[in-house]
Amino acid sequence: MKKETLVLGASLNDDRYSNRAIRALREHEQPVVAVGLREGEVAGVPVVKAIPQGVQVDTVTIYLNAHNQKDWEQAVLALKPKRIIFNPGAENPDLATKAKEQGVETLEACTLVMLATGQF
């Protein structure tokens, strides 16, 4: 099943987990929107600095620490995703609580592990 996924904290650096996640999502033929600090491209996916207008996502997978998520919180909640994955180092109980109050599933998990084990 295809799940449009927003990677928040996307990096152009091949060694970063967000970059690996974009590549793994594409290998699993999942549609990806990548938002990061610098514009560029990863595995054919444009990395942009802002969440595109009108984008509809199933999943938001976060690679920013809780402090750096503050500027994105309202935009993420406004997307009304079905779930938010807080990858290791991105745990944010405050955002998770707000998301749950809106009926959004939240997970403290690793997108790469979920893809590798068929749990995505």
PDB file of N, CA and C in Angstrom:
ATOM      1  N   MET A   1       0.840  -1.179   0.000  1.00  0.00           N
ATOM      2  CA  MET A   1       0.000   0.000   0.000  1.00  0.00           C
ATOM      3  C   MET A   1       0.889   1.248   0.000  1.00  0.00           C
ATOM      4  N   LYS A   2       0.592   2.171  -0.877  1.00  0.00           N
ATOM      5  CA  LYS A   2       1.370   3.402  -0.995  1.00  0.00           C
ATOM      6  C   LYS A   2       0.945   4.385   0.098  1.00  0.00           C
ATOM      7  N   LYS A   3       1.941   4.941   0.770  1.00  0.00           N
ATOM      8  CA  LYS A   3       1.696   5.895   1.844  1.00  0.00           C
ATOM      9  C   LYS A   3       2.547   7.125   1.597  1.00  0.00           C
ATOM     10  N   GLU A   4       1.919   8.198   1.105  1.00  0.00           N
ATOM     11  CA  GLU A   4       2.642   9.448   0.884  1.00  0.00           C
ATOM     12  C   GLU A   4       3.288   9.853   2.206  1.00  0.00           C
ATOM     13  N   THR A   5       4.598  10.032   2.171  1.00  0.00           N
ATOM     14  CA  THR A   5       5.356  10.282   3.388  1.00  0.00           C
ATOM     15  C   THR A   5       6.117  11.591   3.297  1.00  0.00           C
ATOM     16  N   LEU A   6       5.986  12.411   4.318  1.00  0.00           N
ATOM     17  CA  LEU A   6       6.753  13.640   4.443  1.00  0.00           C
ATOM     18  C   LEU A   6       7.940  13.353   5.351  1.00  0.00           C
ATOM     19  N   VAL A   7       9.137  13.539   4.829  1.00  0.00           N
ATOM     20  CA  VAL A   7      10.357  13.406   5.637  1.00  0.00           C
ATOM     21  C   VAL A   7      10.720  14.811   6.093  1.00  0.00           C
ATOM     22  N   LEU A   8      10.577  15.077   7.383  1.00  0.00           N
ATOM     23  CA  LEU A   8      10.877  16.389   7.951  1.00  0.00           C
ATOM     24  C   LEU A   8      12.253  16.337   8.600  1.00  0.00           C
ATOM     25  N   GLY A   9      13.151  17.193   8.093  1.00  0.00           N
ATOM     26  CA  GLY A   9      14.540  17.158   8.537  1.00  0.00           C
ATOM     27  C   GLY A   9      15.393  16.439   7.520  1.00  0.00           C
ATOM     28  N   ALA A  10      14.947  16.449   6.261  1.00  0.00           N
ATOM     29  CA  ALA A  10      15.665  15.762   5.181  1.00  0.00           C
ATOM     30  C   ALA A  10      17.045  16.378   4.989  1.00  0.00           C
ATOM     31  N   SER A  11      18.029  15.518   4.813  1.00  0.00           N
ATOM     32  CA  SER A  11      19.407  15.961   4.621  1.00  0.00           C
ATOM     33  C   SER A  11      19.921  15.517   3.258  1.00  0.00           C
ATOM     34  N   LEU A  12      20.764  16.353   2.671  1.00  0.00           N
ATOM     35  CA  LEU A  12      21.419  16.004   1.410  1.00  0.00           C
ATOM     36  C   LEU A  12      22.649  15.129   1.650  1.00  0.00           C
ATOM     37  N   ASN A  13      23.063  14.988   2.898  1.00  0.00           N
ATOM     38  CA  ASN A  13      24.231  14.190   3.282  1.00  0.00           C
ATOM     39  C   ASN A  13      23.864  12.706   3.285  1.00  0.00           C
ATOM     40  N   ASP A  14      24.533  11.930   2.441  1.00  0.00           N
ATOM     41  CA  ASP A  14      24.245  10.492   2.315  1.00  0.00           C
ATOM     42  C   ASP A  14      24.386   9.718   3.619  1.00  0.00           C
ATOM     43  N   ASP A  15      25.154  10.239   4.575  1.00  0.00           N
ATOM     44  CA  ASP A  15      25.382   9.529   5.829  1.00  0.00           C
ATOM     45  C   ASP A  15      24.280   9.760   6.866  1.00  0.00           C
ATOM     46  N   ARG A  16      23.393  10.713   6.609  1.00  0.00           N
ATOM     47  CA  ARG A  16      22.344  11.033   7.577  1.00  0.00           C
ATOM     48  C   ARG A  16      21.174  10.057   7.432  1.00  0.00           C
ATOM     49  N   TYR A  17      20.547   9.747   8.561  1.00  0.00           N
ATOM     50  CA  TYR A  17      19.448   8.780   8.542  1.00  0.00           C
ATOM     51  C   TYR A  17      18.251   9.275   7.739  1.00  0.00           C
ATOM     52  N   SER A  18      18.001  10.572   7.748  1.00  0.00           N
ATOM     53  CA  SER A  18      16.878  11.085   6.954  1.00  0.00           C
ATOM     54  C   SER A  18      17.118  10.845   5.468  1.00  0.00           C
ATOM     55  N   ASN A  19      18.355  10.983   5.034  1.00  0.00           N
ATOM     56  CA  ASN A  19      18.720  10.730   3.637  1.00  0.00           C
ATOM     57  C   ASN A  19      18.520   9.248   3.317  1.00  0.00           C
ATOM     58  N   ARG A  20      18.975   8.399   4.216  1.00  0.00           N
ATOM     59  CA  ARG A  20      18.797   6.957   4.026  1.00  0.00           C
ATOM     60  C   ARG A  20      17.315   6.585   3.980  1.00  0.00           C
ATOM     61  N   ALA A  21      16.515   7.274   4.798  1.00  0.00           N
ATOM     62  CA  ALA A  21      15.084   6.992   4.822  1.00  0.00           C
ATOM     63  C   ALA A  21      14.431   7.369   3.492  1.00  0.00           C
ATOM     64  N   ILE A  22      14.812   8.495   2.935  1.00  0.00           N
ATOM     65  CA  ILE A  22      14.266   8.893   1.632  1.00  0.00           C
ATOM     66  C   ILE A  22      14.589   7.814   0.602  1.00  0.00           C
ATOM     67  N   ARG A  23      15.846   7.375   0.578  1.00  0.00           N
ATOM     68  CA  ARG A  23      16.255   6.351  -0.394  1.00  0.00           C
ATOM     69  C   ARG A  23      15.506   5.042  -0.160  1.00  0.00           C
ATOM     70  N   ALA A  24      15.358   4.655   1.113  1.00  0.00           N
ATOM     71  CA  ALA A  24      14.657   3.398   1.424  1.00  0.00           C
ATOM     72  C   ALA A  24      13.176   3.491   1.065  1.00  0.00           C
ATOM     73  N   LEU A  25      12.559   4.629   1.333  1.00  0.00           N
ATOM     74  CA  LEU A  25      11.154   4.813   0.954  1.00  0.00           C
ATOM     75  C   LEU A  25      10.985   4.681  -0.554  1.00  0.00           C
ATOM     76  N   ARG A  26      11.885   5.278  -1.317  1.00  0.00           N
ATOM     77  CA  ARG A  26      11.811   5.192  -2.776  1.00  0.00           C
ATOM     78  C   ARG A  26      12.057   3.757  -3.248  1.00  0.00           C
ATOM     79  N   GLU A  27      12.986   3.047  -2.592  1.00  0.00           N
ATOM     80  CA  GLU A  27      13.232   1.637  -2.944  1.00  0.00           C
ATOM     81  C   GLU A  27      11.982   0.800  -2.709  1.00  0.00           C
ATOM     82  N   HIS A  28      11.178   1.197  -1.727  1.00  0.00           N
ATOM     83  CA  HIS A  28       9.918   0.507  -1.435  1.00  0.00           C
ATOM     84  C   HIS A  28       8.754   1.122  -2.212  1.00  0.00           C
ATOM     85  N   GLU A  29       9.096   1.954  -3.182  1.00  0.00           N
ATOM     86  CA  GLU A  29       8.130   2.580  -4.089  1.00  0.00           C
ATOM     87  C   GLU A  29       7.076   3.418  -3.366  1.00  0.00           C
ATOM     88  N   GLN A  30       7.493   4.044  -2.267  1.00  0.00           N
ATOM     89  CA  GLN A  30       6.602   4.936  -1.530  1.00  0.00           C
ATOM     90  C   GLN A  30       6.814   6.365  -2.028  1.00  0.00           C
ATOM     91  N   PRO A  31       5.735   7.124  -2.236  1.00  0.00           N
ATOM     92  CA  PRO A  31       5.870   8.530  -2.623  1.00  0.00           C
ATOM     93  C   PRO A  31       6.409   9.350  -1.453  1.00  0.00           C
ATOM     94  N   VAL A  32       7.320  10.277  -1.748  1.00  0.00           N
ATOM     95  CA  VAL A  32       8.009  11.027  -0.697  1.00  0.00           C
ATOM     96  C   VAL A  32       7.986  12.526  -0.991  1.00  0.00           C
ATOM     97  N   VAL A  33       7.751  13.300   0.067  1.00  0.00           N
ATOM     98  CA  VAL A  33       7.952  14.744   0.061  1.00  0.00           C
ATOM     99  C   VAL A  33       9.057  14.978   1.087  1.00  0.00           C
ATOM    100  N   ALA A  34      10.129  15.661   0.686  1.00  0.00           N
ATOM    101  CA  ALA A  34      11.270  15.868   1.579  1.00  0.00           C
ATOM    102  C   ALA A  34      11.439  17.352   1.883  1.00  0.00           C
ATOM    103  N   VAL A  35      11.486  17.675   3.183  1.00  0.00           N
ATOM    104  CA  VAL A  35      11.645  19.052   3.625  1.00  0.00           C
ATOM    105  C   VAL A  35      12.883  19.125   4.510  1.00  0.00           C
ATOM    106  N   GLY A  36      13.801  20.014   4.141  1.00  0.00           N
ATOM    107  CA  GLY A  36      15.036  20.141   4.894  1.00  0.00           C
ATOM    108  C   GLY A  36      15.551  21.569   4.910  1.00  0.00           C
ATOM    109  N   LEU A  37      16.731  21.726   5.463  1.00  0.00           N
ATOM    110  CA  LEU A  37      17.360  23.030   5.606  1.00  0.00           C
ATOM    111  C   LEU A  37      17.902  23.561   4.282  1.00  0.00           C
ATOM    112  N   ARG A  38      18.360  22.652   3.431  1.00  0.00           N
ATOM    113  CA  ARG A  38      18.935  23.039   2.142  1.00  0.00           C
ATOM    114  C   ARG A  38      18.178  22.359   1.008  1.00  0.00           C
ATOM    115  N   GLU A  39      18.004  23.086  -0.081  1.00  0.00           N
ATOM    116  CA  GLU A  39      17.352  22.511  -1.248  1.00  0.00           C
ATOM    117  C   GLU A  39      18.333  21.662  -2.036  1.00  0.00           C
ATOM    118  N   GLY A  40      17.808  20.641  -2.666  1.00  0.00           N
ATOM    119  CA  GLY A  40      18.627  19.742  -3.468  1.00  0.00           C
ATOM    120  C   GLY A  40      17.786  18.566  -3.902  1.00  0.00           C
ATOM    121  N   GLU A  41      18.430  17.414  -4.015  1.00  0.00           N
ATOM    122  CA  GLU A  41      17.725  16.217  -4.465  1.00  0.00           C
ATOM    123  C   GLU A  41      18.360  14.986  -3.832  1.00  0.00           C
ATOM    124  N   VAL A  42      17.514  14.045  -3.448  1.00  0.00           N
ATOM    125  CA  VAL A  42      17.952  12.760  -2.905  1.00  0.00           C
ATOM    126  C   VAL A  42      17.154  11.677  -3.614  1.00  0.00           C
ATOM    127  N   ALA A  43      17.829  10.787  -4.293  1.00  0.00           N
ATOM    128  CA  ALA A  43      17.185   9.651  -4.973  1.00  0.00           C
ATOM    129  C   ALA A  43      16.042  10.109  -5.883  1.00  0.00           C
ATOM    130  N   GLY A  44      16.254  11.237  -6.559  1.00  0.00           N
ATOM    131  CA  GLY A  44      15.233  11.750  -7.464  1.00  0.00           C
ATOM    132  C   GLY A  44      14.118  12.521  -6.785  1.00  0.00           C
ATOM    133  N   VAL A  45      14.200  12.667  -5.464  1.00  0.00           N
ATOM    134  CA  VAL A  45      13.188  13.398  -4.699  1.00  0.00           C
ATOM    135  C   VAL A  45      13.718  14.806  -4.410  1.00  0.00           C
ATOM    136  N   PRO A  46      12.996  15.840  -4.836  1.00  0.00           N
ATOM    137  CA  PRO A  46      13.445  17.193  -4.506  1.00  0.00           C
ATOM    138  C   PRO A  46      13.355  17.443  -3.006  1.00  0.00           C
ATOM    139  N   VAL A  47      14.380  18.052  -2.450  1.00  0.00           N
ATOM    140  CA  VAL A  47      14.355  18.471  -1.053  1.00  0.00           C
ATOM    141  C   VAL A  47      14.068  19.969  -1.075  1.00  0.00           C
ATOM    142  N   VAL A  48      13.000  20.368  -0.399  1.00  0.00           N
ATOM    143  CA  VAL A  48      12.569  21.761  -0.363  1.00  0.00           C
ATOM    144  C   VAL A  48      12.641  22.283   1.072  1.00  0.00           C
ATOM    145  N   LYS A  49      12.577  23.609   1.213  1.00  0.00           N
ATOM    146  CA  LYS A  49      12.720  24.228   2.528  1.00  0.00           C
ATOM    147  C   LYS A  49      11.395  24.424   3.263  1.00  0.00           C
ATOM    148  N   ALA A  50      10.284  24.237   2.576  1.00  0.00           N
ATOM    149  CA  ALA A  50       8.971  24.431   3.191  1.00  0.00           C
ATOM    150  C   ALA A  50       8.027  23.331   2.729  1.00  0.00           C
ATOM    151  N   ILE A  51       7.049  23.041   3.546  1.00  0.00           N
ATOM    152  CA  ILE A  51       6.048  22.045   3.178  1.00  0.00           C
ATOM    153  C   ILE A  51       5.238  22.615   2.019  1.00  0.00           C
ATOM    154  N   PRO A  52       5.183  21.904   0.897  1.00  0.00           N
ATOM    155  CA  PRO A  52       4.454  22.426  -0.259  1.00  0.00           C
ATOM    156  C   PRO A  52       2.962  22.615   0.038  1.00  0.00           C
ATOM    157  N   GLN A  53       2.397  23.677  -0.529  1.00  0.00           N
ATOM    158  CA  GLN A  53       0.973  23.953  -0.380  1.00  0.00           C
ATOM    159  C   GLN A  53       0.147  22.794  -0.927  1.00  0.00           C
ATOM    160  N   GLY A  54      -0.894  22.433  -0.212  1.00  0.00           N
ATOM    161  CA  GLY A  54      -1.844  21.445  -0.692  1.00  0.00           C
ATOM    162  C   GLY A  54      -1.377  19.999  -0.641  1.00  0.00           C
ATOM    163  N   VAL A  55      -0.184  19.750  -0.115  1.00  0.00           N
ATOM    164  CA  VAL A  55       0.296  18.370  -0.045  1.00  0.00           C
ATOM    165  C   VAL A  55      -0.563  17.582   0.946  1.00  0.00           C
ATOM    166  N   GLN A  56      -0.880  16.349   0.588  1.00  0.00           N
ATOM    167  CA  GLN A  56      -1.635  15.463   1.472  1.00  0.00           C
ATOM    168  C   GLN A  56      -0.754  14.257   1.771  1.00  0.00           C
ATOM    169  N   VAL A  57      -0.502  14.021   3.045  1.00  0.00           N
ATOM    170  CA  VAL A  57       0.374  12.919   3.423  1.00  0.00           C
ATOM    171  C   VAL A  57      -0.327  11.966   4.366  1.00  0.00           C
ATOM    172  N   ASP A  58       0.075  10.725   4.273  1.00  0.00           N
ATOM    173  CA  ASP A  58      -0.388   9.686   5.185  1.00  0.00           C
ATOM    174  C   ASP A  58       0.466   9.710   6.449  1.00  0.00           C
ATOM    175  N   THR A  59       1.786   9.864   6.232  1.00  0.00           N
ATOM    176  CA  THR A  59       2.763   9.739   7.311  1.00  0.00           C
ATOM    177  C   THR A  59       3.726  10.914   7.304  1.00  0.00           C
ATOM    178  N   VAL A  60       4.042  11.415   8.497  1.00  0.00           N
ATOM    179  CA  VAL A  60       5.135  12.364   8.668  1.00  0.00           C
ATOM    180  C   VAL A  60       6.191  11.633   9.481  1.00  0.00           C
ATOM    181  N   THR A  61       7.405  11.544   8.944  1.00  0.00           N
ATOM    182  CA  THR A  61       8.501  10.928   9.685  1.00  0.00           C
ATOM    183  C   THR A  61       9.499  12.033  10.005  1.00  0.00           C
ATOM    184  N   ILE A  62       9.784  12.205  11.290  1.00  0.00           N
ATOM    185  CA  ILE A  62      10.538  13.363  11.764  1.00  0.00           C
ATOM    186  C   ILE A  62      11.963  12.983  12.151  1.00  0.00           C
ATOM    187  N   TYR A  63      12.901  13.807  11.658  1.00  0.00           N
ATOM    188  CA  TYR A  63      14.328  13.657  11.948  1.00  0.00           C
ATOM    189  C   TYR A  63      14.909  14.932  12.548  1.00  0.00           C
ATOM    190  N   LEU A  64      14.094  15.696  13.260  1.00  0.00           N
ATOM    191  CA  LEU A  64      14.533  16.898  13.960  1.00  0.00           C
ATOM    192  C   LEU A  64      14.346  16.683  15.446  1.00  0.00           C
ATOM    193  N   ASN A  65      15.252  17.241  16.274  1.00  0.00           N
ATOM    194  CA  ASN A  65      15.038  17.111  17.711  1.00  0.00           C
ATOM    195  C   ASN A  65      13.843  17.971  18.124  1.00  0.00           C
ATOM    196  N   ALA A  66      13.340  17.747  19.317  1.00  0.00           N
ATOM    197  CA  ALA A  66      12.108  18.411  19.778  1.00  0.00           C
ATOM    198  C   ALA A  66      12.220  19.930  19.689  1.00  0.00           C
ATOM    199  N   HIS A  67      13.365  20.493  20.037  1.00  0.00           N
ATOM    200  CA  HIS A  67      13.546  21.948  19.976  1.00  0.00           C
ATOM    201  C   HIS A  67      13.375  22.463  18.550  1.00  0.00           C
ATOM    202  N   ASN A  68      13.961  21.773  17.593  1.00  0.00           N
ATOM    203  CA  ASN A  68      13.892  22.206  16.198  1.00  0.00           C
ATOM    204  C   ASN A  68      12.534  21.902  15.548  1.00  0.00           C
ATOM    205  N   GLN A  69      11.703  21.148  16.223  1.00  0.00           N
ATOM    206  CA  GLN A  69      10.356  20.861  15.702  1.00  0.00           C
ATOM    207  C   GLN A  69       9.372  21.998  15.979  1.00  0.00           C
ATOM    208  N   LYS A  70       9.688  22.853  16.944  1.00  0.00           N
ATOM    209  CA  LYS A  70       8.730  23.884  17.362  1.00  0.00           C
ATOM    210  C   LYS A  70       8.219  24.730  16.197  1.00  0.00           C
ATOM    211  N   ASP A  71       9.108  25.148  15.305  1.00  0.00           N
ATOM    212  CA  ASP A  71       8.696  25.980  14.169  1.00  0.00           C
ATOM    213  C   ASP A  71       7.817  25.219  13.177  1.00  0.00           C
ATOM    214  N   TRP A  72       7.820  23.904  13.232  1.00  0.00           N
ATOM    215  CA  TRP A  72       7.086  23.070  12.275  1.00  0.00           C
ATOM    216  C   TRP A  72       5.797  22.503  12.850  1.00  0.00           C
ATOM    217  N   GLU A  73       5.618  22.622  14.150  1.00  0.00           N
ATOM    218  CA  GLU A  73       4.515  21.938  14.836  1.00  0.00           C
ATOM    219  C   GLU A  73       3.149  22.227  14.213  1.00  0.00           C
ATOM    220  N   GLN A  74       2.802  23.485  14.050  1.00  0.00           N
ATOM    221  CA  GLN A  74       1.481  23.830  13.509  1.00  0.00           C
ATOM    222  C   GLN A  74       1.294  23.315  12.087  1.00  0.00           C
ATOM    223  N   ALA A  75       2.343  23.431  11.276  1.00  0.00           N
ATOM    224  CA  ALA A  75       2.264  22.965   9.885  1.00  0.00           C
ATOM    225  C   ALA A  75       2.078  21.454   9.824  1.00  0.00           C
ATOM    226  N   VAL A  76       2.770  20.730  10.695  1.00  0.00           N
ATOM    227  CA  VAL A  76       2.635  19.264  10.724  1.00  0.00           C
ATOM    228  C   VAL A  76       1.221  18.880  11.140  1.00  0.00           C
ATOM    229  N   LEU A  77       0.704  19.502  12.187  1.00  0.00           N
ATOM    230  CA  LEU A  77      -0.649  19.181  12.646  1.00  0.00           C
ATOM    231  C   LEU A  77      -1.692  19.573  11.611  1.00  0.00           C
ATOM    232  N   ALA A  78      -1.452  20.666  10.885  1.00  0.00           N
ATOM    233  CA  ALA A  78      -2.394  21.117   9.863  1.00  0.00           C
ATOM    234  C   ALA A  78      -2.493  20.131   8.701  1.00  0.00           C
ATOM    235  N   LEU A  79      -1.459  19.316   8.511  1.00  0.00           N
ATOM    236  CA  LEU A  79      -1.488  18.304   7.445  1.00  0.00           C
ATOM    237  C   LEU A  79      -2.500  17.200   7.733  1.00  0.00           C
ATOM    238  N   LYS A  80      -2.844  17.043   9.012  1.00  0.00           N
ATOM    239  CA  LYS A  80      -3.753  15.977   9.444  1.00  0.00           C
ATOM    240  C   LYS A  80      -3.308  14.602   8.925  1.00  0.00           C
ATOM    241  N   PRO A  81      -2.049  14.251   9.225  1.00  0.00           N
ATOM    242  CA  PRO A  81      -1.581  12.936   8.777  1.00  0.00           C
ATOM    243  C   PRO A  81      -2.254  11.826   9.573  1.00  0.00           C
ATOM    244  N   LYS A  82      -2.189  10.614   9.037  1.00  0.00           N
ATOM    245  CA  LYS A  82      -2.716   9.470   9.781  1.00  0.00           C
ATOM    246  C   LYS A  82      -1.771   9.091  10.914  1.00  0.00           C
ATOM    247  N   ARG A  83      -0.462   9.323  10.675  1.00  0.00           N
ATOM    248  CA  ARG A  83       0.503   8.985  11.727  1.00  0.00           C
ATOM    249  C   ARG A  83       1.742   9.858  11.620  1.00  0.00           C
ATOM    250  N   ILE A  84       2.414   9.972  12.771  1.00  0.00           N
ATOM    251  CA  ILE A  84       3.692  10.666  12.859  1.00  0.00           C
ATOM    252  C   ILE A  84       4.678   9.685  13.477  1.00  0.00           C
ATOM    253  N   ILE A  85       5.815   9.537  12.814  1.00  0.00           N
ATOM    254  CA  ILE A  85       6.887   8.686  13.334  1.00  0.00           C
ATOM    255  C   ILE A  85       7.981   9.600  13.870  1.00  0.00           C
ATOM    256  N   PHE A  86       8.276   9.465  15.161  1.00  0.00           N
ATOM    257  CA  PHE A  86       9.363  10.190  15.789  1.00  0.00           C
ATOM    258  C   PHE A  86      10.567   9.248  15.805  1.00  0.00           C
ATOM    259  N   ASN A  87      11.507   9.492  14.907  1.00  0.00           N
ATOM    260  CA  ASN A  87      12.691   8.651  14.817  1.00  0.00           C
ATOM    261  C   ASN A  87      13.596   8.881  16.027  1.00  0.00           C
ATOM    262  N   PRO A  88      14.547   7.970  16.298  1.00  0.00           N
ATOM    263  CA  PRO A  88      15.432   8.143  17.459  1.00  0.00           C
ATOM    264  C   PRO A  88      16.083   9.533  17.464  1.00  0.00           C
ATOM    265  N   GLY A  89      15.963  10.211  18.602  1.00  0.00           N
ATOM    266  CA  GLY A  89      16.483  11.560  18.747  1.00  0.00           C
ATOM    267  C   GLY A  89      15.450  12.627  18.447  1.00  0.00           C
ATOM    268  N   ALA A  90      14.304  12.228  17.908  1.00  0.00           N
ATOM    269  CA  ALA A  90      13.247  13.180  17.545  1.00  0.00           C
ATOM    270  C   ALA A  90      12.034  13.066  18.467  1.00  0.00           C
ATOM    271  N   GLU A  91      12.149  12.316  19.539  1.00  0.00           N
ATOM    272  CA  GLU A  91      11.018  12.116  20.440  1.00  0.00           C
ATOM    273  C   GLU A  91      10.518  13.474  20.940  1.00  0.00           C
ATOM    274  N   ASN A  92       9.191  13.638  20.992  1.00  0.00           N
ATOM    275  CA  ASN A  92       8.603  14.911  21.398  1.00  0.00           C
ATOM    276  C   ASN A  92       7.240  14.645  22.032  1.00  0.00           C
ATOM    277  N   PRO A  93       7.216  14.399  23.348  1.00  0.00           N
ATOM    278  CA  PRO A  93       5.952  14.086  24.019  1.00  0.00           C
ATOM    279  C   PRO A  93       4.885  15.162  23.841  1.00  0.00           C
ATOM    280  N   ASP A  94       5.282  16.430  23.797  1.00  0.00           N
ATOM    281  CA  ASP A  94       4.319  17.525  23.647  1.00  0.00           C
ATOM    282  C   ASP A  94       3.608  17.449  22.296  1.00  0.00           C
ATOM    283  N   LEU A  95       4.368  17.332  21.224  1.00  0.00           N
ATOM    284  CA  LEU A  95       3.769  17.219  19.895  1.00  0.00           C
ATOM    285  C   LEU A  95       2.977  15.919  19.764  1.00  0.00           C
ATOM    286  N   ALA A  96       3.496  14.850  20.344  1.00  0.00           N
ATOM    287  CA  ALA A  96       2.791  13.566  20.286  1.00  0.00           C
ATOM    288  C   ALA A  96       1.418  13.675  20.955  1.00  0.00           C
ATOM    289  N   THR A  97       1.351  14.350  22.088  1.00  0.00           N
ATOM    290  CA  THR A  97       0.075  14.527  22.791  1.00  0.00           C
ATOM    291  C   THR A  97      -0.898  15.329  21.942  1.00  0.00           C
ATOM    292  N   LYS A  98      -0.426  16.437  21.368  1.00  0.00           N
ATOM    293  CA  LYS A  98      -1.291  17.266  20.516  1.00  0.00           C
ATOM    294  C   LYS A  98      -1.786  16.474  19.310  1.00  0.00           C
ATOM    295  N   ALA A  99      -0.912  15.675  18.730  1.00  0.00           N
ATOM    296  CA  ALA A  99      -1.300  14.869  17.567  1.00  0.00           C
ATOM    297  C   ALA A  99      -2.349  13.828  17.963  1.00  0.00           C
ATOM    298  N   LYS A 100      -2.124  13.154  19.078  1.00  0.00           N
ATOM    299  CA  LYS A 100      -3.083  12.142  19.544  1.00  0.00           C
ATOM    300  C   LYS A 100      -4.447  12.755  19.804  1.00  0.00           C
ATOM    301  N   GLU A 101      -4.466  13.979  20.329  1.00  0.00           N
ATOM    302  CA  GLU A 101      -5.732  14.678  20.581  1.00  0.00           C
ATOM    303  C   GLU A 101      -6.494  14.923  19.281  1.00  0.00           C
ATOM    304  N   GLN A 102      -5.792  14.956  18.153  1.00  0.00           N
ATOM    305  CA  GLN A 102      -6.413  15.128  16.839  1.00  0.00           C
ATOM    306  C   GLN A 102      -6.664  13.789  16.149  1.00  0.00           C
ATOM    307  N   GLY A 103      -6.415  12.701  16.871  1.00  0.00           N
ATOM    308  CA  GLY A 103      -6.663  11.381  16.305  1.00  0.00           C
ATOM    309  C   GLY A 103      -5.539  10.842  15.445  1.00  0.00           C
ATOM    310  N   VAL A 104      -4.357  11.438  15.570  1.00  0.00           N
ATOM    311  CA  VAL A 104      -3.199  11.005  14.795  1.00  0.00           C
ATOM    312  C   VAL A 104      -2.438   9.937  15.585  1.00  0.00           C
ATOM    313  N   GLU A 105      -2.130   8.838  14.917  1.00  0.00           N
ATOM    314  CA  GLU A 105      -1.306   7.800  15.539  1.00  0.00           C
ATOM    315  C   GLU A 105       0.123   8.327  15.645  1.00  0.00           C
ATOM    316  N   THR A 106       0.763   8.113  16.785  1.00  0.00           N
ATOM    317  CA  THR A 106       2.158   8.516  16.942  1.00  0.00           C
ATOM    318  C   THR A 106       2.994   7.305  17.334  1.00  0.00           C
ATOM    319  N   LEU A 107       4.192   7.271  16.788  1.00  0.00           N
ATOM    320  CA  LEU A 107       5.107   6.169  17.068  1.00  0.00           C
ATOM    321  C   LEU A 107       6.493   6.712  17.358  1.00  0.00           C
ATOM    322  N   GLU A 108       7.136   6.178  18.373  1.00  0.00           N
ATOM    323  CA  GLU A 108       8.557   6.408  18.564  1.00  0.00           C
ATOM    324  C   GLU A 108       9.213   5.180  17.967  1.00  0.00           C
ATOM    325  N   ALA A 109       9.708   5.337  16.749  1.00  0.00           N
ATOM    326  CA  ALA A 109      10.212   4.189  16.000  1.00  0.00           C
ATOM    327  C   ALA A 109      11.235   4.671  14.984  1.00  0.00           C
ATOM    328  N   CYS A 110      11.816   3.726  14.292  1.00  0.00           N
ATOM    329  CA  CYS A 110      12.788   4.030  13.246  1.00  0.00           C
ATOM    330  C   CYS A 110      12.188   3.659  11.892  1.00  0.00           C
ATOM    331  N   THR A 111      12.031   4.648  11.047  1.00  0.00           N
ATOM    332  CA  THR A 111      11.459   4.418   9.725  1.00  0.00           C
ATOM    333  C   THR A 111      12.243   3.367   8.961  1.00  0.00           C
ATOM    334  N   LEU A 112      13.570   3.400   9.060  1.00  0.00           N
ATOM    335  CA  LEU A 112      14.408   2.428   8.341  1.00  0.00           C
ATOM    336  C   LEU A 112      14.126   1.005   8.807  1.00  0.00           C
ATOM    337  N   VAL A 113      13.997   0.809  10.111  1.00  0.00           N
ATOM    338  CA  VAL A 113      13.702  -0.525  10.653  1.00  0.00           C
ATOM    339  C   VAL A 113      12.299  -0.950  10.234  1.00  0.00           C
ATOM    340  N   MET A 114      11.359  -0.028  10.300  1.00  0.00           N
ATOM    341  CA  MET A 114       9.986  -0.352   9.911  1.00  0.00           C
ATOM    342  C   MET A 114       9.921  -0.804   8.452  1.00  0.00           C
ATOM    343  N   LEU A 115      10.633  -0.121   7.581  1.00  0.00           N
ATOM    344  CA  LEU A 115      10.659  -0.509   6.164  1.00  0.00           C
ATOM    345  C   LEU A 115      11.324  -1.862   5.987  1.00  0.00           C
ATOM    346  N   ALA A 116      12.444  -2.069   6.672  1.00  0.00           N
ATOM    347  CA  ALA A 116      13.209  -3.314   6.526  1.00  0.00           C
ATOM    348  C   ALA A 116      12.455  -4.533   7.032  1.00  0.00           C
ATOM    349  N   THR A 117      11.554  -4.316   8.001  1.00  0.00           N
ATOM    350  CA  THR A 117      10.837  -5.445   8.603  1.00  0.00           C
ATOM    351  C   THR A 117       9.394  -5.544   8.137  1.00  0.00           C
ATOM    352  N   GLY A 118       9.000  -4.718   7.169  1.00  0.00           N
ATOM    353  CA  GLY A 118       7.643  -4.787   6.641  1.00  0.00           C
ATOM    354  C   GLY A 118       6.585  -4.206   7.547  1.00  0.00           C
ATOM    355  N   GLN A 119       6.972  -3.357   8.506  1.00  0.00           N
ATOM    356  CA  GLN A 119       6.020  -2.765   9.448  1.00  0.00           C
ATOM    357  C   GLN A 119       5.589  -1.366   9.049  1.00  0.00           C
ATOM    358  N   PHE A 120       6.096  -0.866   7.944  1.00  0.00           N
ATOM    359  CA  PHE A 120       5.793   0.504   7.544  1.00  0.00           C
ATOM    360  C   PHE A 120       4.355   0.608   7.087  1.00  0.00           C
TER     361      PHE A 120
END
